[in-house]
C-alpha atoms as a PDB file:
ATOM      1  CA  UNK A   1     113.591  82.135 125.057  1.00  0.00           C
ATOM      2  CA  UNK A   2     110.840  82.149 127.689  1.00  0.00           C
ATOM      3  CA  UNK A   3     107.409  83.033 126.342  1.00  0.00           C
ATOM      4  CA  UNK A   4     108.366  82.587 122.691  1.00  0.00           C
ATOM      5  CA  UNK A   5     106.679  80.181 120.331  1.00  0.00           C
ATOM      6  CA  UNK A   6     108.498  77.419 118.509  1.00  0.00           C
ATOM      7  CA  UNK A   7     108.755  78.243 114.833  1.00  0.00           C
ATOM      8  CA  UNK A   8     107.847  81.888 115.309  1.00  0.00           C
ATOM      9  CA  UNK A   9     109.490  84.137 112.732  1.00  0.00           C
ATOM     10  CA  UNK A  10     111.119  87.326 113.991  1.00  0.00           C
ATOM     11  CA  UNK A  11     109.615  90.561 112.721  1.00  0.00           C
ATOM     12  CA  UNK A  12     112.154  92.314 110.545  1.00  0.00           C
ATOM     13  CA  UNK A  13     110.256  95.596 110.518  1.00  0.00           C
ATOM     14  CA  UNK A  14     108.408  97.245 113.397  1.00  0.00           C
ATOM     15  CA  UNK A  15     106.070 100.210 113.563  1.00  0.00           C
ATOM     16  CA  UNK A  16     104.317 101.746 116.559  1.00  0.00           C
ATOM     17  CA  UNK A  17     100.811 103.187 116.438  1.00  0.00           C
ATOM     18  CA  UNK A  18      99.302 105.556 119.015  1.00  0.00           C
ATOM     19  CA  UNK A  19      95.606 106.182 119.711  1.00  0.00           C
ATOM     20  CA  UNK A  20      96.074 109.718 118.333  1.00  0.00           C
ATOM     21  CA  UNK A  21      96.642 108.151 114.911  1.00  0.00           C
ATOM     22  CA  UNK A  22     100.368 108.807 114.917  1.00  0.00           C
ATOM     23  CA  UNK A  23     102.508 106.115 113.296  1.00  0.00           C
ATOM     24  CA  UNK A  24     106.214 105.775 114.024  1.00  0.00           C
ATOM     25  CA  UNK A  25     108.666 103.817 111.887  1.00  0.00           C
ATOM     26  CA  UNK A  26     111.784 105.793 111.051  1.00  0.00           C
ATOM     27  CA  UNK A  27     110.241 108.822 112.717  1.00  0.00           C
ATOM     28  CA  UNK A  28     106.674 110.094 112.546  1.00  0.00           C
ATOM     29  CA  UNK A  29     104.847 109.135 109.320  1.00  0.00           C
ATOM     30  CA  UNK A  30     101.432 109.962 107.889  1.00  0.00           C
ATOM     31  CA  UNK A  31      99.537 107.186 106.091  1.00  0.00           C
ATOM     32  CA  UNK A  32     100.848 108.152 102.619  1.00  0.00           C
ATOM     33  CA  UNK A  33     104.418 108.179 103.927  1.00  0.00           C
ATOM     34  CA  UNK A  34     103.792 104.881 105.689  1.00  0.00           C
ATOM     35  CA  UNK A  35     102.732 103.281 102.408  1.00  0.00           C
ATOM     36  CA  UNK A  36     105.974 104.452 100.779  1.00  0.00           C
ATOM     37  CA  UNK A  37     108.027 103.277 103.760  1.00  0.00           C
ATOM     38  CA  UNK A  38     106.354  99.858 103.712  1.00  0.00           C
ATOM     39  CA  UNK A  39     107.072  99.393  99.982  1.00  0.00           C
ATOM     40  CA  UNK A  40     110.738 100.306 100.488  1.00  0.00           C
ATOM     41  CA  UNK A  41     111.089  97.928 103.436  1.00  0.00           C
ATOM     42  CA  UNK A  42     109.282  95.036 101.713  1.00  0.00           C
ATOM     43  CA  UNK A  43     111.726  95.216  98.794  1.00  0.00           C
ATOM     44  CA  UNK A  44     114.635  94.613 101.184  1.00  0.00           C
ATOM     45  CA  UNK A  45     113.490  91.198 102.395  1.00  0.00           C
ATOM     46  CA  UNK A  46     112.689  87.870 100.785  1.00  0.00           C
ATOM     47  CA  UNK A  47     109.737  87.121 103.107  1.00  0.00           C
ATOM     48  CA  UNK A  48     109.079  90.465 104.831  1.00  0.00           C
ATOM     49  CA  UNK A  49     107.367  90.411 108.220  1.00  0.00           C
ATOM     50  CA  UNK A  50     105.904  93.479 109.927  1.00  0.00           C
ATOM     51  CA  UNK A  51     105.158  93.881 113.618  1.00  0.00           C
ATOM     52  CA  UNK A  52     102.534  96.541 114.343  1.00  0.00           C
ATOM     53  CA  UNK A  53     102.830  97.619 117.974  1.00  0.00           C
ATOM     54  CA  UNK A  54      99.470  99.193 118.779  1.00  0.00           C
ATOM     55  CA  UNK A  55      98.896 101.165 121.948  1.00  0.00           C
ATOM     56  CA  UNK A  56      95.698 100.665 123.905  1.00  0.00           C
ATOM     57  CA  UNK A  57      92.895 102.603 122.240  1.00  0.00           C
ATOM     58  CA  UNK A  58      94.074 102.384 118.624  1.00  0.00           C
ATOM     59  CA  UNK A  59      90.929 101.874 116.521  1.00  0.00           C
ATOM     60  CA  UNK A  60      90.606  98.502 114.803  1.00  0.00           C
ATOM     61  CA  UNK A  61      89.912 100.395 111.562  1.00  0.00           C
ATOM     62  CA  UNK A  62      93.375 101.956 111.691  1.00  0.00           C
ATOM     63  CA  UNK A  63      95.031  98.600 112.317  1.00  0.00           C
ATOM     64  CA  UNK A  64      93.054  97.145 109.404  1.00  0.00           C
ATOM     65  CA  UNK A  65      94.161 100.002 107.145  1.00  0.00           C
ATOM     66  CA  UNK A  66      97.810  99.516 108.121  1.00  0.00           C
ATOM     67  CA  UNK A  67      97.553  95.760 107.584  1.00  0.00           C
ATOM     68  CA  UNK A  68      96.072  96.334 104.110  1.00  0.00           C
ATOM     69  CA  UNK A  69      98.840  98.803 103.241  1.00  0.00           C
ATOM     70  CA  UNK A  70     101.482  96.319 104.377  1.00  0.00           C
ATOM     71  CA  UNK A  71     100.002  93.456 102.370  1.00  0.00           C
ATOM     72  CA  UNK A  72      99.723  95.656  99.268  1.00  0.00           C
ATOM     73  CA  UNK A  73     103.363  96.670  99.771  1.00  0.00           C
ATOM     74  CA  UNK A  74     104.447  93.024  99.714  1.00  0.00           C
ATOM     75  CA  UNK A  75     104.610  91.954 103.349  1.00  0.00           C
ATOM     76  CA  UNK A  76     103.844  88.243 103.626  1.00  0.00           C
ATOM     77  CA  UNK A  77     103.143  88.379 107.357  1.00  0.00           C
ATOM     78  CA  UNK A  78     101.733  91.165 109.507  1.00  0.00           C
ATOM     79  CA  UNK A  79     101.639  90.596 113.255  1.00  0.00           C
ATOM     80  CA  UNK A  80      99.707  92.962 115.505  1.00  0.00           C
ATOM     81  CA  UNK A  81     100.747  93.303 119.118  1.00  0.00           C
ATOM     82  CA  UNK A  82      98.512  95.274 121.447  1.00  0.00           C
ATOM     83  CA  UNK A  83      99.287  96.521 124.931  1.00  0.00           C
ATOM     84  CA  UNK A  84      97.523  94.664 127.688  1.00  0.00           C
ATOM     85  CA  UNK A  85      95.349  97.014 129.734  1.00  0.00           C
ATOM     86  CA  UNK A  86      95.700  94.769 132.796  1.00  0.00           C
ATOM     87  CA  UNK A  87      99.465  95.371 132.789  1.00  0.00           C
ATOM     88  CA  UNK A  88      98.935  99.143 132.832  1.00  0.00           C
ATOM     89  CA  UNK A  89      96.310  98.794 135.579  1.00  0.00           C
ATOM     90  CA  UNK A  90      98.603  96.627 137.698  1.00  0.00           C
ATOM     91  CA  UNK A  91     101.455  99.130 137.358  1.00  0.00           C
ATOM     92  CA  UNK A  92      99.292 102.089 138.393  1.00  0.00           C
ATOM     93  CA  UNK A  93      97.888 100.153 141.367  1.00  0.00           C
ATOM     94  CA  UNK A  94     101.354  99.790 142.901  1.00  0.00           C
END
């Protein structure tokens, strides 16, 4: 697949985080619900991997908190993907 890395593991679980602090997994979750959701999901996989899709403007502190929750829940890998501001700028310039 173009743009993929050799040996990269697919993320089995994905959440989206907005600058407003909203977190979406199986619907909108607060941080306590997210912790519960992460524990449930981690139990379902041998080597659970989480992809955190963070919108532009999400505070690093929130990403750090989510990463800590995921690791405490049993995720062995947490990958953070952030939107590229230059992509948004290029789209609005057209």
